[in-house]
Amino acid sequence: RLSCATSRRTYGNYAMGWFRRAPGKEREFVAAISWNDINKYYADSVKG
């Protein structure tokens, strides 16, 4: 389980995403989540 913490002190809504870069490859999309926690998106390679 990976975690990503922000340093912001003030509360606000924001979308967040995860990308990855494998050896010898360019950075690629992995997953993302909308500001309201309703919509989630995944690369086909990781879905499920």
ModelCIF file with pLDDT and N, C-alpha, C, O atoms, coordinates in Angstrom:
data_MODEL
#
_entry.id   MODEL 
#
_entity.id                         1 
_entity.type                       polymer 
_entity.pdbx_number_of_molecules   1 
#
_entity_poly.entity_id                      1 
_entity_poly.type                           'polypeptide(L)' 
_entity_poly.nstd_linkage                   no 
_entity_poly.nstd_monomer                   no 
_entity_poly.pdbx_seq_one_letter_code       RLSCATSRRTYGNYAMGWFRRAPGKEREFVAAISWNDINKYYADSVKG 
_entity_poly.pdbx_seq_one_letter_code_can   RLSCATSRRTYGNYAMGWFRRAPGKEREFVAAISWNDINKYYADSVKG 
_entity_poly.pdbx_strand_id                 A 
#
loop_
_entity_poly_seq.entity_id 
_entity_poly_seq.num 
_entity_poly_seq.mon_id 
_entity_poly_seq.hetero 
1 1  ARG n 
1 2  LEU n 
1 3  SER n 
1 4  CYS n 
1 5  ALA n 
1 6  THR n 
1 7  SER n 
1 8  ARG n 
1 9  ARG n 
1 10 THR n 
1 11 TYR n 
1 12 GLY n 
1 13 ASN n 
1 14 TYR n 
1 15 ALA n 
1 16 MET n 
1 17 GLY n 
1 18 TRP n 
1 19 PHE n 
1 20 ARG n 
1 21 ARG n 
1 22 ALA n 
1 23 PRO n 
1 24 GLY n 
1 25 LYS n 
1 26 GLU n 
1 27 ARG n 
1 28 GLU n 
1 29 PHE n 
1 30 VAL n 
1 31 ALA n 
1 32 ALA n 
1 33 ILE n 
1 34 SER n 
1 35 TRP n 
1 36 ASN n 
1 37 ASP n 
1 38 ILE n 
1 39 ASN n 
1 40 LYS n 
1 41 TYR n 
1 42 TYR n 
1 43 ALA n 
1 44 ASP n 
1 45 SER n 
1 46 VAL n 
1 47 LYS n 
1 48 GLY n 
#
_struct_asym.id          A 
_struct_asym.entity_id   1 
#
loop_
_ma_qa_metric.id 
_ma_qa_metric.mode 
_ma_qa_metric.name 
_ma_qa_metric.software_group_id 
_ma_qa_metric.type 
1 global pLDDT . pLDDT 
2 local  pLDDT . pLDDT 
#
_ma_qa_metric_global.metric_id      1 
_ma_qa_metric_global.metric_value   88.69 
_ma_qa_metric_global.model_id       1 
_ma_qa_metric_global.ordinal_id     1 
#
loop_
_ma_qa_metric_local.label_asym_id 
_ma_qa_metric_local.label_comp_id 
_ma_qa_metric_local.label_seq_id 
_ma_qa_metric_local.metric_id 
_ma_qa_metric_local.metric_value 
_ma_qa_metric_local.model_id 
_ma_qa_metric_local.ordinal_id 
A ARG 1  2 98.00 1 1  
A LEU 2  2 98.00 1 2  
A SER 3  2 97.00 1 3  
A CYS 4  2 95.00 1 4  
A ALA 5  2 92.00 1 5  
A THR 6  2 82.00 1 6  
A SER 7  2 73.00 1 7  
A ARG 8  2 65.00 1 8  
A ARG 9  2 55.00 1 9  
A THR 10 2 45.00 1 10 
A TYR 11 2 45.00 1 11 
A GLY 12 2 54.00 1 12 
A ASN 13 2 59.00 1 13 
A TYR 14 2 82.00 1 14 
A ALA 15 2 90.00 1 15 
A MET 16 2 93.00 1 16 
A GLY 17 2 95.00 1 17 
A TRP 18 2 97.00 1 18 
A PHE 19 2 98.00 1 19 
A ARG 20 2 98.00 1 20 
A ARG 21 2 98.00 1 21 
A ALA 22 2 97.00 1 22 
A PRO 23 2 92.00 1 23 
A GLY 24 2 94.00 1 24 
A LYS 25 2 96.00 1 25 
A GLU 26 2 96.00 1 26 
A ARG 27 2 97.00 1 27 
A GLU 28 2 97.00 1 28 
A PHE 29 2 98.00 1 29 
A VAL 30 2 98.00 1 30 
A ALA 31 2 98.00 1 31 
A ALA 32 2 97.00 1 32 
A ILE 33 2 94.00 1 33 
A SER 34 2 90.00 1 34 
A TRP 35 2 82.00 1 35 
A ASN 36 2 81.00 1 36 
A ASP 37 2 81.00 1 37 
A ILE 38 2 88.00 1 38 
A ASN 39 2 93.00 1 39 
A LYS 40 2 96.00 1 40 
A TYR 41 2 97.00 1 41 
A TYR 42 2 98.00 1 42 
A ALA 43 2 98.00 1 43 
A ASP 44 2 98.00 1 44 
A SER 45 2 98.00 1 45 
A VAL 46 2 98.00 1 46 
A LYS 47 2 98.00 1 47 
A GLY 48 2 98.00 1 48 
#
loop_
_atom_site.group_PDB 
_atom_site.id 
_atom_site.type_symbol 
_atom_site.label_atom_id 
_atom_site.label_alt_id 
_atom_site.label_comp_id 
_atom_site.label_asym_id 
_atom_site.label_entity_id 
_atom_site.label_seq_id 
_atom_site.pdbx_PDB_ins_code 
_atom_site.Cartn_x 
_atom_site.Cartn_y 
_atom_site.Cartn_z 
_atom_site.occupancy 
_atom_site.B_iso_or_equiv 
_atom_site.pdbx_formal_charge 
_atom_site.auth_seq_id 
_atom_site.auth_comp_id 
_atom_site.auth_asym_id 
_atom_site.auth_atom_id 
_atom_site.pdbx_PDB_model_num 
ATOM 1   N N  . ARG A 1 1  ? 0.841   -1.181 0.000   1.00 98.00 ? 1  ARG A N  1 
ATOM 2   C CA . ARG A 1 1  ? 0.000   0.000  0.000   1.00 98.00 ? 1  ARG A CA 1 
ATOM 3   C C  . ARG A 1 1  ? 0.878   1.233  0.000   1.00 98.00 ? 1  ARG A C  1 
ATOM 4   O O  . ARG A 1 1  ? 1.676   1.446  0.913   1.00 98.00 ? 1  ARG A O  1 
ATOM 5   N N  . LEU A 1 2  ? 0.723   2.039  -1.029  1.00 98.00 ? 2  LEU A N  1 
ATOM 6   C CA . LEU A 1 2  ? 1.445   3.287  -1.135  1.00 98.00 ? 2  LEU A CA 1 
ATOM 7   C C  . LEU A 1 2  ? 0.624   4.423  -0.540  1.00 98.00 ? 2  LEU A C  1 
ATOM 8   O O  . LEU A 1 2  ? -0.604  4.426  -0.623  1.00 98.00 ? 2  LEU A O  1 
ATOM 9   N N  . SER A 1 3  ? 1.308   5.375  0.053   1.00 97.00 ? 3  SER A N  1 
ATOM 10  C CA . SER A 1 3  ? 0.660   6.548  0.613   1.00 97.00 ? 3  SER A CA 1 
ATOM 11  C C  . SER A 1 3  ? 1.268   7.802  0.006   1.00 97.00 ? 3  SER A C  1 
ATOM 12  O O  . SER A 1 3  ? 2.455   7.835  -0.319  1.00 97.00 ? 3  SER A O  1 
ATOM 13  N N  . CYS A 1 4  ? 0.458   8.819  -0.140  1.00 95.00 ? 4  CYS A N  1 
ATOM 14  C CA . CYS A 1 4  ? 0.916   10.117 -0.614  1.00 95.00 ? 4  CYS A CA 1 
ATOM 15  C C  . CYS A 1 4  ? 0.318   11.182 0.284   1.00 95.00 ? 4  CYS A C  1 
ATOM 16  O O  . CYS A 1 4  ? -0.892  11.409 0.273   1.00 95.00 ? 4  CYS A O  1 
ATOM 17  N N  . ALA A 1 5  ? 1.163   11.829 1.055   1.00 92.00 ? 5  ALA A N  1 
ATOM 18  C CA . ALA A 1 5  ? 0.728   12.857 1.990   1.00 92.00 ? 5  ALA A CA 1 
ATOM 19  C C  . ALA A 1 5  ? 1.074   14.237 1.456   1.00 92.00 ? 5  ALA A C  1 
ATOM 20  O O  . ALA A 1 5  ? 2.138   14.440 0.872   1.00 92.00 ? 5  ALA A O  1 
ATOM 21  N N  . THR A 1 6  ? 0.170   15.179 1.662   1.00 82.00 ? 6  THR A N  1 
ATOM 22  C CA . THR A 1 6  ? 0.424   16.556 1.274   1.00 82.00 ? 6  THR A CA 1 
ATOM 23  C C  . THR A 1 6  ? 0.844   17.360 2.491   1.00 82.00 ? 6  THR A C  1 
ATOM 24  O O  . THR A 1 6  ? 0.596   16.958 3.628   1.00 82.00 ? 6  THR A O  1 
ATOM 25  N N  . SER A 1 7  ? 1.476   18.489 2.249   1.00 73.00 ? 7  SER A N  1 
ATOM 26  C CA . SER A 1 7  ? 1.926   19.362 3.324   1.00 73.00 ? 7  SER A CA 1 
ATOM 27  C C  . SER A 1 7  ? 0.990   20.537 3.560   1.00 73.00 ? 7  SER A C  1 
ATOM 28  O O  . SER A 1 7  ? 1.313   21.433 4.340   1.00 73.00 ? 7  SER A O  1 
ATOM 29  N N  . ARG A 1 8  ? -0.140  20.549 2.914   1.00 65.00 ? 8  ARG A N  1 
ATOM 30  C CA . ARG A 1 8  ? -1.077  21.659 3.054   1.00 65.00 ? 8  ARG A CA 1 
ATOM 31  C C  . ARG A 1 8  ? -1.713  21.681 4.437   1.00 65.00 ? 8  ARG A C  1 
ATOM 32  O O  . ARG A 1 8  ? -2.125  20.646 4.962   1.00 65.00 ? 8  ARG A O  1 
ATOM 33  N N  . ARG A 1 9  ? -1.786  22.866 5.015   1.00 55.00 ? 9  ARG A N  1 
ATOM 34  C CA . ARG A 1 9  ? -2.415  23.026 6.322   1.00 55.00 ? 9  ARG A CA 1 
ATOM 35  C C  . ARG A 1 9  ? -3.893  23.347 6.205   1.00 55.00 ? 9  ARG A C  1 
ATOM 36  O O  . ARG A 1 9  ? -4.685  22.974 7.071   1.00 55.00 ? 9  ARG A O  1 
ATOM 37  N N  . THR A 1 10 ? -4.262  24.026 5.156   1.00 45.00 ? 10 THR A N  1 
ATOM 38  C CA . THR A 1 10 ? -5.654  24.389 4.945   1.00 45.00 ? 10 THR A CA 1 
ATOM 39  C C  . THR A 1 10 ? -6.398  23.285 4.199   1.00 45.00 ? 10 THR A C  1 
ATOM 40  O O  . THR A 1 10 ? -5.844  22.652 3.301   1.00 45.00 ? 10 THR A O  1 
ATOM 41  N N  . TYR A 1 11 ? -7.632  23.064 4.569   1.00 45.00 ? 11 TYR A N  1 
ATOM 42  C CA . TYR A 1 11 ? -8.435  22.027 3.952   1.00 45.00 ? 11 TYR A CA 1 
ATOM 43  C C  . TYR A 1 11 ? -8.999  22.499 2.624   1.00 45.00 ? 11 TYR A C  1 
ATOM 44  O O  . TYR A 1 11 ? -9.428  23.645 2.495   1.00 45.00 ? 11 TYR A O  1 
ATOM 45  N N  . GLY A 1 12 ? -8.998  21.604 1.631   1.00 54.00 ? 12 GLY A N  1 
ATOM 46  C CA . GLY A 1 12 ? -9.560  21.901 0.327   1.00 54.00 ? 12 GLY A CA 1 
ATOM 47  C C  . GLY A 1 12 ? -9.806  20.636 -0.464  1.00 54.00 ? 12 GLY A C  1 
ATOM 48  O O  . GLY A 1 12 ? -9.211  19.595 -0.183  1.00 54.00 ? 12 GLY A O  1 
ATOM 49  N N  . ASN A 1 13 ? -10.682 20.720 -1.453  1.00 59.00 ? 13 ASN A N  1 
ATOM 50  C CA . ASN A 1 13 ? -10.963 19.583 -2.324  1.00 59.00 ? 13 ASN A CA 1 
ATOM 51  C C  . ASN A 1 13 ? -9.965  19.547 -3.473  1.00 59.00 ? 13 ASN A C  1 
ATOM 52  O O  . ASN A 1 13 ? -9.590  20.587 -4.014  1.00 59.00 ? 13 ASN A O  1 
ATOM 53  N N  . TYR A 1 14 ? -9.538  18.338 -3.843  1.00 82.00 ? 14 TYR A N  1 
ATOM 54  C CA . TYR A 1 14 ? -8.554  18.201 -4.904  1.00 82.00 ? 14 TYR A CA 1 
ATOM 55  C C  . TYR A 1 14 ? -8.577  16.784 -5.472  1.00 82.00 ? 14 TYR A C  1 
ATOM 56  O O  . TYR A 1 14 ? -8.819  15.812 -4.757  1.00 82.00 ? 14 TYR A O  1 
ATOM 57  N N  . ALA A 1 15 ? -8.320  16.692 -6.772  1.00 90.00 ? 15 ALA A N  1 
ATOM 58  C CA . ALA A 1 15 ? -8.131  15.396 -7.403  1.00 90.00 ? 15 ALA A CA 1 
ATOM 59  C C  . ALA A 1 15 ? -6.689  14.943 -7.191  1.00 90.00 ? 15 ALA A C  1 
ATOM 60  O O  . ALA A 1 15 ? -5.782  15.765 -7.068  1.00 90.00 ? 15 ALA A O  1 
ATOM 61  N N  . MET A 1 16 ? -6.488  13.625 -7.149  1.00 93.00 ? 16 MET A N  1 
ATOM 62  C CA . MET A 1 16 ? -5.153  13.074 -6.956  1.00 93.00 ? 16 MET A CA 1 
ATOM 63  C C  . MET A 1 16 ? -4.957  11.907 -7.914  1.00 93.00 ? 16 MET A C  1 
ATOM 64  O O  . MET A 1 16 ? -5.920  11.259 -8.326  1.00 93.00 ? 16 MET A O  1 
ATOM 65  N N  . GLY A 1 17 ? -3.706  11.648 -8.263  1.00 95.00 ? 17 GLY A N  1 
ATOM 66  C CA . GLY A 1 17 ? -3.411  10.572 -9.187  1.00 95.00 ? 17 GLY A CA 1 
ATOM 67  C C  . GLY A 1 17 ? -2.136  9.832  -8.846  1.00 95.00 ? 17 GLY A C  1 
ATOM 68  O O  . GLY A 1 17 ? -1.297  10.309 -8.080  1.00 95.00 ? 17 GLY A O  1 
ATOM 69  N N  . TRP A 1 18 ? -2.013  8.655  -9.434  1.00 97.00 ? 18 TRP A N  1 
ATOM 70  C CA . TRP A 1 18 ? -0.799  7.852  -9.341  1.00 97.00 ? 18 TRP A CA 1 
ATOM 71  C C  . TRP A 1 18 ? -0.306  7.516  -10.741 1.00 97.00 ? 18 TRP A C  1 
ATOM 72  O O  . TRP A 1 18 ? -1.081  7.103  -11.604 1.00 97.00 ? 18 TRP A O  1 
ATOM 73  N N  . PHE A 1 19 ? 0.982   7.696  -10.953 1.00 98.00 ? 19 PHE A N  1 
ATOM 74  C CA . PHE A 1 19 ? 1.656   7.316  -12.181 1.00 98.00 ? 19 PHE A CA 1 
ATOM 75  C C  . PHE A 1 19 ? 2.855   6.455  -11.831 1.00 98.00 ? 19 PHE A C  1 
ATOM 76  O O  . PHE A 1 19 ? 3.256   6.378  -10.670 1.00 98.00 ? 19 PHE A O  1 
ATOM 77  N N  . ARG A 1 20 ? 3.428   5.806  -12.841 1.00 98.00 ? 20 ARG A N  1 
ATOM 78  C CA . ARG A 1 20 ? 4.618   5.010  -12.604 1.00 98.00 ? 20 ARG A CA 1 
ATOM 79  C C  . ARG A 1 20 ? 5.536   5.044  -13.813 1.00 98.00 ? 20 ARG A C  1 
ATOM 80  O O  . ARG A 1 20 ? 5.102   5.258  -14.944 1.00 98.00 ? 20 ARG A O  1 
ATOM 81  N N  . ARG A 1 21 ? 6.817   4.828  -13.542 1.00 98.00 ? 21 ARG A N  1 
ATOM 82  C CA . ARG A 1 21 ? 7.810   4.750  -14.601 1.00 98.00 ? 21 ARG A CA 1 
ATOM 83  C C  . ARG A 1 21 ? 8.610   3.461  -14.418 1.00 98.00 ? 21 ARG A C  1 
ATOM 84  O O  . ARG A 1 21 ? 9.376   3.322  -13.464 1.00 98.00 ? 21 ARG A O  1 
ATOM 85  N N  . ALA A 1 22 ? 8.423   2.537  -15.333 1.00 97.00 ? 22 ALA A N  1 
ATOM 86  C CA . ALA A 1 22 ? 9.154   1.282  -15.317 1.00 97.00 ? 22 ALA A CA 1 
ATOM 87  C C  . ALA A 1 22 ? 10.506  1.475  -15.987 1.00 97.00 ? 22 ALA A C  1 
ATOM 88  O O  . ALA A 1 22 ? 10.685  2.421  -16.755 1.00 97.00 ? 22 ALA A O  1 
ATOM 89  N N  . PRO A 1 23 ? 11.461  0.593  -15.708 1.00 92.00 ? 23 PRO A N  1 
ATOM 90  C CA . PRO A 1 23 ? 12.784  0.708  -16.329 1.00 92.00 ? 23 PRO A CA 1 
ATOM 91  C C  . PRO A 1 23 ? 12.705  0.742  -17.849 1.00 92.00 ? 23 PRO A C  1 
ATOM 92  O O  . PRO A 1 23 ? 12.091  -0.131 -18.463 1.00 92.00 ? 23 PRO A O  1 
ATOM 93  N N  . GLY A 1 24 ? 13.319  1.739  -18.447 1.00 94.00 ? 24 GLY A N  1 
ATOM 94  C CA . GLY A 1 24 ? 13.349  1.859  -19.890 1.00 94.00 ? 24 GLY A CA 1 
ATOM 95  C C  . GLY A 1 24 ? 12.069  2.346  -20.526 1.00 94.00 ? 24 GLY A C  1 
ATOM 96  O O  . GLY A 1 24 ? 11.957  2.337  -21.752 1.00 94.00 ? 24 GLY A O  1 
ATOM 97  N N  . LYS A 1 25 ? 11.096  2.773  -19.734 1.00 96.00 ? 25 LYS A N  1 
ATOM 98  C CA . LYS A 1 25 ? 9.818   3.226  -20.259 1.00 96.00 ? 25 LYS A CA 1 
ATOM 99  C C  . LYS A 1 25 ? 9.494   4.632  -19.752 1.00 96.00 ? 25 LYS A C  1 
ATOM 100 O O  . LYS A 1 25 ? 10.089  5.113  -18.788 1.00 96.00 ? 25 LYS A O  1 
ATOM 101 N N  . GLU A 1 26 ? 8.550   5.269  -20.414 1.00 96.00 ? 26 GLU A N  1 
ATOM 102 C CA . GLU A 1 26 ? 8.124   6.592  -19.990 1.00 96.00 ? 26 GLU A CA 1 
ATOM 103 C C  . GLU A 1 26 ? 7.069   6.482  -18.895 1.00 96.00 ? 26 GLU A C  1 
ATOM 104 O O  . GLU A 1 26 ? 6.483   5.421  -18.679 1.00 96.00 ? 26 GLU A O  1 
ATOM 105 N N  . ARG A 1 27 ? 6.841   7.585  -18.217 1.00 97.00 ? 27 ARG A N  1 
ATOM 106 C CA . ARG A 1 27 ? 5.858   7.611  -17.151 1.00 97.00 ? 27 ARG A CA 1 
ATOM 107 C C  . ARG A 1 27 ? 4.463   7.322  -17.701 1.00 97.00 ? 27 ARG A C  1 
ATOM 108 O O  . ARG A 1 27 ? 4.074   7.858  -18.739 1.00 97.00 ? 27 ARG A O  1 
ATOM 109 N N  . GLU A 1 28 ? 3.714   6.469  -16.996 1.00 97.00 ? 28 GLU A N  1 
ATOM 110 C CA . GLU A 1 28 ? 2.386   6.090  -17.452 1.00 97.00 ? 28 GLU A CA 1 
ATOM 111 C C  . GLU A 1 28 ? 1.359   6.211  -16.329 1.00 97.00 ? 28 GLU A C  1 
ATOM 112 O O  . GLU A 1 28 ? 1.684   6.111  -15.145 1.00 97.00 ? 28 GLU A O  1 
ATOM 113 N N  . PHE A 1 29 ? 0.123   6.428  -16.734 1.00 98.00 ? 29 PHE A N  1 
ATOM 114 C CA . PHE A 1 29 ? -0.988  6.554  -15.806 1.00 98.00 ? 29 PHE A CA 1 
ATOM 115 C C  . PHE A 1 29 ? -1.279  5.230  -15.116 1.00 98.00 ? 29 PHE A C  1 
ATOM 116 O O  . PHE A 1 29 ? -1.230  4.171  -15.742 1.00 98.00 ? 29 PHE A O  1 
ATOM 117 N N  . VAL A 1 30 ? -1.583  5.294  -13.818 1.00 98.00 ? 30 VAL A N  1 
ATOM 118 C CA . VAL A 1 30 ? -1.959  4.116  -13.050 1.00 98.00 ? 30 VAL A CA 1 
ATOM 119 C C  . VAL A 1 30 ? -3.387  4.243  -12.517 1.00 98.00 ? 30 VAL A C  1 
ATOM 120 O O  . VAL A 1 30 ? -4.226  3.380  -12.775 1.00 98.00 ? 30 VAL A O  1 
ATOM 121 N N  . ALA A 1 31 ? -3.661  5.309  -11.780 1.00 98.00 ? 31 ALA A N  1 
ATOM 122 C CA . ALA A 1 31 ? -4.977  5.490  -11.170 1.00 98.00 ? 31 ALA A CA 1 
ATOM 123 C C  . ALA A 1 31 ? -5.180  6.945  -10.796 1.00 98.00 ? 31 ALA A C  1 
ATOM 124 O O  . ALA A 1 31 ? -4.216  7.694  -10.642 1.00 98.00 ? 31 ALA A O  1 
ATOM 125 N N  . ALA A 1 32 ? -6.437  7.344  -10.649 1.00 97.00 ? 32 ALA A N  1 
ATOM 126 C CA . ALA A 1 32 ? -6.764  8.699  -10.216 1.00 97.00 ? 32 ALA A CA 1 
ATOM 127 C C  . ALA A 1 32 ? -8.094  8.689  -9.487  1.00 97.00 ? 32 ALA A C  1 
ATOM 128 O O  . ALA A 1 32 ? -8.907  7.781  -9.659  1.00 97.00 ? 32 ALA A O  1 
ATOM 129 N N  . ILE A 1 33 ? -8.305  9.712  -8.671  1.00 94.00 ? 33 ILE A N  1 
ATOM 130 C CA . ILE A 1 33 ? -9.529  9.836  -7.896  1.00 94.00 ? 33 ILE A CA 1 
ATOM 131 C C  . ILE A 1 33 ? -9.978  11.287 -7.904  1.00 94.00 ? 33 ILE A C  1 
ATOM 132 O O  . ILE A 1 33 ? -9.158  12.197 -7.782  1.00 94.00 ? 33 ILE A O  1 
ATOM 133 N N  . SER A 1 34 ? -11.288 11.504 -8.049  1.00 90.00 ? 34 SER A N  1 
ATOM 134 C CA . SER A 1 34 ? -11.829 12.847 -8.124  1.00 90.00 ? 34 SER A CA 1 
ATOM 135 C C  . SER A 1 34 ? -11.852 13.506 -6.751  1.00 90.00 ? 34 SER A C  1 
ATOM 136 O O  . SER A 1 34 ? -11.649 12.852 -5.727  1.00 90.00 ? 34 SER A O  1 
ATOM 137 N N  . TRP A 1 35 ? -12.104 14.810 -6.749  1.00 82.00 ? 35 TRP A N  1 
ATOM 138 C CA . TRP A 1 35 ? -12.083 15.575 -5.505  1.00 82.00 ? 35 TRP A CA 1 
ATOM 139 C C  . TRP A 1 35 ? -13.138 15.117 -4.514  1.00 82.00 ? 35 TRP A C  1 
ATOM 140 O O  . TRP A 1 35 ? -12.933 15.207 -3.303  1.00 82.00 ? 35 TRP A O  1 
ATOM 141 N N  . ASN A 1 36 ? -14.278 14.621 -5.019  1.00 81.00 ? 36 ASN A N  1 
ATOM 142 C CA . ASN A 1 36 ? -15.382 14.235 -4.147  1.00 81.00 ? 36 ASN A CA 1 
ATOM 143 C C  . ASN A 1 36 ? -15.393 12.745 -3.794  1.00 81.00 ? 36 ASN A C  1 
ATOM 144 O O  . ASN A 1 36 ? -16.342 12.263 -3.175  1.00 81.00 ? 36 ASN A O  1 
ATOM 145 N N  . ASP A 1 37 ? -14.352 12.021 -4.183  1.00 81.00 ? 37 ASP A N  1 
ATOM 146 C CA . ASP A 1 37 ? -14.193 10.602 -3.855  1.00 81.00 ? 37 ASP A CA 1 
ATOM 147 C C  . ASP A 1 37 ? -15.253 9.722  -4.524  1.00 81.00 ? 37 ASP A C  1 
ATOM 148 O O  . ASP A 1 37 ? -15.469 8.585  -4.104  1.00 81.00 ? 37 ASP A O  1 
ATOM 149 N N  . ILE A 1 38 ? -15.908 10.240 -5.556  1.00 88.00 ? 38 ILE A N  1 
ATOM 150 C CA . ILE A 1 38 ? -16.943 9.486  -6.247  1.00 88.00 ? 38 ILE A CA 1 
ATOM 151 C C  . ILE A 1 38 ? -16.400 8.765  -7.468  1.00 88.00 ? 38 ILE A C  1 
ATOM 152 O O  . ILE A 1 38 ? -16.726 7.600  -7.700  1.00 88.00 ? 38 ILE A O  1 
ATOM 153 N N  . ASN A 1 39 ? -15.580 9.445  -8.246  1.00 93.00 ? 39 ASN A N  1 
ATOM 154 C CA . ASN A 1 39 ? -15.064 8.884  -9.488  1.00 93.00 ? 39 ASN A CA 1 
ATOM 155 C C  . ASN A 1 39 ? -13.637 8.384  -9.318  1.00 93.00 ? 39 ASN A C  1 
ATOM 156 O O  . ASN A 1 39 ? -12.770 9.089  -8.801  1.00 93.00 ? 39 ASN A O  1 
ATOM 157 N N  . LYS A 1 40 ? -13.412 7.154  -9.763  1.00 96.00 ? 40 LYS A N  1 
ATOM 158 C CA . LYS A 1 40 ? -12.088 6.553  -9.732  1.00 96.00 ? 40 LYS A CA 1 
ATOM 159 C C  . LYS A 1 40 ? -11.756 6.013  -11.112 1.00 96.00 ? 40 LYS A C  1 
ATOM 160 O O  . LYS A 1 40 ? -12.630 5.514  -11.820 1.00 96.00 ? 40 LYS A O  1 
ATOM 161 N N  . TYR A 1 41 ? -10.498 6.113  -11.488 1.00 97.00 ? 41 TYR A N  1 
ATOM 162 C CA . TYR A 1 41 ? -10.061 5.720  -12.816 1.00 97.00 ? 41 TYR A CA 1 
ATOM 163 C C  . TYR A 1 41 ? -8.810  4.862  -12.698 1.00 97.00 ? 41 TYR A C  1 
ATOM 164 O O  . TYR A 1 41 ? -7.937  5.128  -11.872 1.00 97.00 ? 41 TYR A O  1 
ATOM 165 N N  . TYR A 1 42 ? -8.731  3.827  -13.537 1.00 98.00 ? 42 TYR A N  1 
ATOM 166 C CA . TYR A 1 42 ? -7.614  2.907  -13.480 1.00 98.00 ? 42 TYR A CA 1 
ATOM 167 C C  . TYR A 1 42 ? -7.119  2.560  -14.876 1.00 98.00 ? 42 TYR A C  1 
ATOM 168 O O  . TYR A 1 42 ? -7.898  2.486  -15.827 1.00 98.00 ? 42 TYR A O  1 
ATOM 169 N N  . ALA A 1 43 ? -5.814  2.349  -14.982 1.00 98.00 ? 43 ALA A N  1 
ATOM 170 C CA . ALA A 1 43 ? -5.266  1.788  -16.201 1.00 98.00 ? 43 ALA A CA 1 
ATOM 171 C C  . ALA A 1 43 ? -5.729  0.345  -16.334 1.00 98.00 ? 43 ALA A C  1 
ATOM 172 O O  . ALA A 1 43 ? -5.912  -0.348 -15.333 1.00 98.00 ? 43 ALA A O  1 
ATOM 173 N N  . ASP A 1 44 ? -5.918  -0.107 -17.565 1.00 98.00 ? 44 ASP A N  1 
ATOM 174 C CA . ASP A 1 44 ? -6.376  -1.476 -17.791 1.00 98.00 ? 44 ASP A CA 1 
ATOM 175 C C  . ASP A 1 44 ? -5.431  -2.504 -17.172 1.00 98.00 ? 44 ASP A C  1 
ATOM 176 O O  . ASP A 1 44 ? -5.870  -3.567 -16.733 1.00 98.00 ? 44 ASP A O  1 
ATOM 177 N N  . SER A 1 45 ? -4.156  -2.194 -17.137 1.00 98.00 ? 45 SER A N  1 
ATOM 178 C CA . SER A 1 45 ? -3.167  -3.130 -16.639 1.00 98.00 ? 45 SER A CA 1 
ATOM 179 C C  . SER A 1 45 ? -3.266  -3.382 -15.135 1.00 98.00 ? 45 SER A C  1 
ATOM 180 O O  . SER A 1 45 ? -2.743  -4.382 -14.644 1.00 98.00 ? 45 SER A O  1 
ATOM 181 N N  . VAL A 1 46 ? -3.928  -2.489 -14.398 1.00 98.00 ? 46 VAL A N  1 
ATOM 182 C CA . VAL A 1 46 ? -4.019  -2.634 -12.948 1.00 98.00 ? 46 VAL A CA 1 
ATOM 183 C C  . VAL A 1 46 ? -5.446  -2.796 -12.451 1.00 98.00 ? 46 VAL A C  1 
ATOM 184 O O  . VAL A 1 46 ? -5.655  -3.083 -11.272 1.00 98.00 ? 46 VAL A O  1 
ATOM 185 N N  . LYS A 1 47 ? -6.419  -2.620 -13.312 1.00 98.00 ? 47 LYS A N  1 
ATOM 186 C CA . LYS A 1 47 ? -7.817  -2.686 -12.909 1.00 98.00 ? 47 LYS A CA 1 
ATOM 187 C C  . LYS A 1 47 ? -8.153  -4.059 -12.334 1.00 98.00 ? 47 LYS A C  1 
ATOM 188 O O  . LYS A 1 47 ? -7.823  -5.090 -12.920 1.00 98.00 ? 47 LYS A O  1 
ATOM 189 N N  . GLY A 1 48 ? -8.808  -4.056 -11.186 1.00 98.00 ? 48 GLY A N  1 
ATOM 190 C CA . GLY A 1 48 ? -9.131  -5.291 -10.501 1.00 98.00 ? 48 GLY A CA 1 
ATOM 191 C C  . GLY A 1 48 ? -8.086  -5.724 -9.503  1.00 98.00 ? 48 GLY A C  1 
ATOM 192 O O  . GLY A 1 48 ? -8.242  -6.759 -8.855  1.00 98.00 ? 48 GLY A O  1 
#
